[in-house]
């Protein structure tokens, strides 16, 4: 018999399945392959049964044939198990879809940008990063590499009270037993879950309230929490443990902040969802607890330690426990997380009209940020490559730039050697004012230090995976 090519290891098969082959067609392939394998074994055994045998042992062919069947069955099971497990509709451990909706854009129905809201958004990005850096040092004993003293200073210029939270992505969860439904913003730039409690008397009216006393699975940790926001107000309360369910996936003994006070920006008029659910790493948890998705992973609730997002004007979703193959084409470009805490990766370059305007950056991938934010020097360097771009600090606000509305630049970001275009519709935030020929660009400057924050100005143009198990981020072309 000719030597057979070595079979790929189950690990290699599992990797290929997760990245390219997991689909209904894969299930059909598995079925047909198994059927073909056993037909070949059956034919071989039939031929063996017709061979001449010793009269004293006429059934000598049965033993080797049975052995062959056993071995081919074992090999088939090892070979195809990753596909079978993935394709099985009966498994409770496969990935699930969470529909997401986006709320308010920065531009009104006439395409005019609300510059006050825009300025506030950048201010609160800085505040969120500051909380994350502080929690990182508290949880690890080390200062975060991106922690810069300039980040802790108040921004110059106006500091409006309008909260940025109106720009985020929301979906549904349930908490406790009996389960009670809430809406939350899913935020890859933070790590904690908090909800307004029944004893909340500040800025909680109109929200659905969490009452741990009515949940048989709640437990009070007696640990207080406090989250400071850019308007000087706080979200504060006590940390409980309870059951949290998202799209049928349940995390038990999950930390949830029971807020007795909301900041002004979380009032119902500014923040329609009830709470916030962080999807980053435990290292930046203000609670000092595992985030919801890490709990799903550690409790074996999901097969794959990965979640993915599609952010768009319609059809947006969060996928927990893998990736949704229907939403992307080709392979993922994967980049490793450089410092575990935020989803921080290397950004090769930011490109304008086909030229690398800025290179060698570090970037935090944040679904809770709408714009793209960088340090003042590199953002100015980027706009130097955009014809007609102007510093709009005195009109749109500090850190913002404009460009001619009739000449939107071709913008792309390069990760892992692959260029990913940013559409004109997402890069162009809208007109500076009614009748203006100037539009505001989606890349802004702030006192961040030497790193960027990449929000949904970019993320709406790609399918993004967040791999907790392998600490990496993947980008793929939208289907």
Foldseek 3Di string as FASTA:
>chain_A
DDDDDDDDALVVVLVCCQWANADPVNVVVLVVVVVVLVVVLVVVLVVLLPDDDDPVCSPPSVVVSVVVVVVSVVVSCRRCVSNCVRRDPPDLAAKDKWDKAAADAQADPVQAGPLVLVVQQVQQVLLLVVLLQVLLCVLPVDGPPLDDPLSPDHFPDDNDQAHNQNGFMKTWKWWAVVTDIFMAGEKLSAFAAEFEAPLADALQPPGDHDYQVPGPQKAFPQAKFWRAGSVRDIWIAGWMFTWMGGRSQIFGRAIYGHTNYDRNCCRCVNNVTGIYFYDAALSRHRVSGGGPLVSSVVVSSHPASKKWWADANPDTIIMHRGDDNQWFDDGWQKFAQPDGRFLKGWWAAKDWQRHGQDGTAIEGEIQSRQFKEFAQPSVVSRCVRPPQKDQCCVQSRAFKIKHFPVRQIFIWTDDNNDTFTQDSVLQFSGDSDPPDRITIGRYGYDHRGGHMYHYVSRSNQWMWMQHPVRRMIITGGTD
